[in-house]
């Protein structure tokens, strides 16, 4: 169960990083 929880947390953190990267890229283009 701990592994699944860790995986979910990692997935959420990774998704956040991706979203931030997209925002940064858009800001750089603009």
PDB file of N, CA and C in Angstrom:
ATOM      1  N   UNK A   1       0.849  -1.209   0.000  1.00  0.00           N
ATOM      2  CA  UNK A   1       0.000   0.000   0.000  1.00  0.00           C
ATOM      3  C   UNK A   1       0.879   1.251   0.000  1.00  0.00           C
ATOM      4  N   UNK A   2       1.981   1.216   0.746  1.00  0.00           N
ATOM      5  CA  UNK A   2       2.858   2.390   0.809  1.00  0.00           C
ATOM      6  C   UNK A   2       3.448   2.676  -0.568  1.00  0.00           C
ATOM      7  N   UNK A   3       3.772   1.628  -1.318  1.00  0.00           N
ATOM      8  CA  UNK A   3       4.337   1.835  -2.656  1.00  0.00           C
ATOM      9  C   UNK A   3       3.323   2.526  -3.551  1.00  0.00           C
ATOM     10  N   UNK A   4       2.064   2.101  -3.475  1.00  0.00           N
ATOM     11  CA  UNK A   4       1.020   2.716  -4.306  1.00  0.00           C
ATOM     12  C   UNK A   4       0.870   4.182  -3.931  1.00  0.00           C
ATOM     13  N   UNK A   5       0.862   4.456  -2.618  1.00  0.00           N
ATOM     14  CA  UNK A   5       0.709   5.838  -2.173  1.00  0.00           C
ATOM     15  C   UNK A   5       1.885   6.672  -2.685  1.00  0.00           C
ATOM     16  N   UNK A   6       3.099   6.115  -2.595  1.00  0.00           N
ATOM     17  CA  UNK A   6       4.281   6.835  -3.049  1.00  0.00           C
ATOM     18  C   UNK A   6       4.190   7.094  -4.550  1.00  0.00           C
ATOM     19  N   UNK A   7       3.696   6.093  -5.292  1.00  0.00           N
ATOM     20  CA  UNK A   7       3.565   6.244  -6.742  1.00  0.00           C
ATOM     21  C   UNK A   7       2.563   7.338  -7.090  1.00  0.00           C
ATOM     22  N   UNK A   8       1.449   7.371  -6.360  1.00  0.00           N
ATOM     23  CA  UNK A   8       0.429   8.403  -6.621  1.00  0.00           C
ATOM     24  C   UNK A   8       1.012   9.777  -6.332  1.00  0.00           C
ATOM     25  N   UNK A   9       1.733   9.919  -5.220  1.00  0.00           N
ATOM     26  CA  UNK A   9       2.338  11.210  -4.879  1.00  0.00           C
ATOM     27  C   UNK A   9       3.326  11.605  -5.965  1.00  0.00           C
ATOM     28  N   UNK A  10       4.121  10.635  -6.439  1.00  0.00           N
ATOM     29  CA  UNK A  10       5.106  10.934  -7.484  1.00  0.00           C
ATOM     30  C   UNK A  10       4.406  11.371  -8.756  1.00  0.00           C
ATOM     31  N   UNK A  11       3.323  10.671  -9.106  1.00  0.00           N
ATOM     32  CA  UNK A  11       2.563  11.030 -10.317  1.00  0.00           C
ATOM     33  C   UNK A  11       2.033  12.456 -10.193  1.00  0.00           C
ATOM     34  N   UNK A  12       1.454  12.798  -9.041  1.00  0.00           N
ATOM     35  CA  UNK A  12       0.900  14.140  -8.842  1.00  0.00           C
ATOM     36  C   UNK A  12       1.997  15.186  -8.959  1.00  0.00           C
ATOM     37  N   UNK A  13       3.156  14.915  -8.350  1.00  0.00           N
ATOM     38  CA  UNK A  13       4.254  15.873  -8.397  1.00  0.00           C
ATOM     39  C   UNK A  13       4.743  16.030  -9.831  1.00  0.00           C
ATOM     40  N   UNK A  14       4.815  14.917 -10.555  1.00  0.00           N
ATOM     41  CA  UNK A  14       5.284  14.964 -11.936  1.00  0.00           C
ATOM     42  C   UNK A  14       4.311  15.755 -12.803  1.00  0.00           C
ATOM     43  N   UNK A  15       3.021  15.564 -12.573  1.00  0.00           N
ATOM     44  CA  UNK A  15       2.011  16.301 -13.344  1.00  0.00           C
ATOM     45  C   UNK A  15       2.146  17.791 -13.058  1.00  0.00           C
ATOM     46  N   UNK A  16       2.382  18.145 -11.798  1.00  0.00           N
ATOM     47  CA  UNK A  16       2.562  19.556 -11.444  1.00  0.00           C
ATOM     48  C   UNK A  16       3.766  20.123 -12.178  1.00  0.00           C
ATOM     49  N   UNK A  17       4.879  19.377 -12.201  1.00  0.00           N
ATOM     50  CA  UNK A  17       6.078  19.852 -12.897  1.00  0.00           C
ATOM     51  C   UNK A  17       5.777  20.088 -14.367  1.00  0.00           C
ATOM     52  N   UNK A  18       5.027  19.153 -14.980  1.00  0.00           N
ATOM     53  CA  UNK A  18       4.700  19.287 -16.398  1.00  0.00           C
ATOM     54  C   UNK A  18       3.870  20.538 -16.636  1.00  0.00           C
ATOM     55  N   UNK A  19       2.897  20.777 -15.760  1.00  0.00           N
ATOM     56  CA  UNK A  19       2.033  21.945 -15.923  1.00  0.00           C
ATOM     57  C   UNK A  19       2.868  23.217 -15.781  1.00  0.00           C
ATOM     58  N   UNK A  20       3.761  23.241 -14.785  1.00  0.00           N
ATOM     59  CA  UNK A  20       4.601  24.427 -14.574  1.00  0.00           C
ATOM     60  C   UNK A  20       5.494  24.647 -15.788  1.00  0.00           C
ATOM     61  N   UNK A  21       6.034  23.556 -16.346  1.00  0.00           N
ATOM     62  CA  UNK A  21       6.912  23.679 -17.507  1.00  0.00           C
ATOM     63  C   UNK A  21       6.136  24.266 -18.681  1.00  0.00           C
ATOM     64  N   UNK A  22       4.893  23.820 -18.867  1.00  0.00           N
ATOM     65  CA  UNK A  22       4.070  24.351 -19.964  1.00  0.00           C
ATOM     66  C   UNK A  22       3.841  25.841 -19.758  1.00  0.00           C
ATOM     67  N   UNK A  23       3.545  26.245 -18.530  1.00  0.00           N
ATOM     68  CA  UNK A  23       3.298  27.666 -18.240  1.00  0.00           C
ATOM     69  C   UNK A  23       4.568  28.468 -18.503  1.00  0.00           C
ATOM     70  N   UNK A  24       5.709  27.950 -18.076  1.00  0.00           N
ATOM     71  CA  UNK A  24       6.979  28.658 -18.279  1.00  0.00           C
ATOM     72  C   UNK A  24       7.268  28.787 -19.769  1.00  0.00           C
ATOM     73  N   UNK A  25       7.032  27.718 -20.525  1.00  0.00           N
ATOM     74  CA  UNK A  25       7.285  27.775 -21.966  1.00  0.00           C
ATOM     75  C   UNK A  25       6.401  28.826 -22.616  1.00  0.00           C
ATOM     76  N   UNK A  26       5.130  28.860 -22.220  1.00  0.00           N
ATOM     77  CA  UNK A  26       4.203  29.828 -22.797  1.00  0.00           C
ATOM     78  C   UNK A  26       4.678  31.242 -22.448  1.00  0.00           C
ATOM     79  N   UNK A  27       5.138  31.440 -21.208  1.00  0.00           N
ATOM     80  CA  UNK A  27       5.606  32.759 -20.774  1.00  0.00           C
ATOM     81  C   UNK A  27       6.844  33.151 -21.583  1.00  0.00           C
ATOM     82  N   UNK A  28       7.732  32.199 -21.840  1.00  0.00           N
ATOM     83  CA  UNK A  28       8.944  32.506 -22.602  1.00  0.00           C
ATOM     84  C   UNK A  28       8.593  32.882 -24.034  1.00  0.00           C
ATOM     85  N   UNK A  29       7.648  32.179 -24.631  1.00  0.00           N
ATOM     86  CA  UNK A  29       7.244  32.480 -26.007  1.00  0.00           C
ATOM     87  C   UNK A  29       6.619  33.867 -26.052  1.00  0.00           C
ATOM     88  N   UNK A  30       5.776  34.189 -25.048  1.00  0.00           N
ATOM     89  CA  UNK A  30       5.115  35.500 -25.009  1.00  0.00           C
ATOM     90  C   UNK A  30       6.156  36.534 -24.572  1.00  0.00           C
TER      91      UNK A  30
END
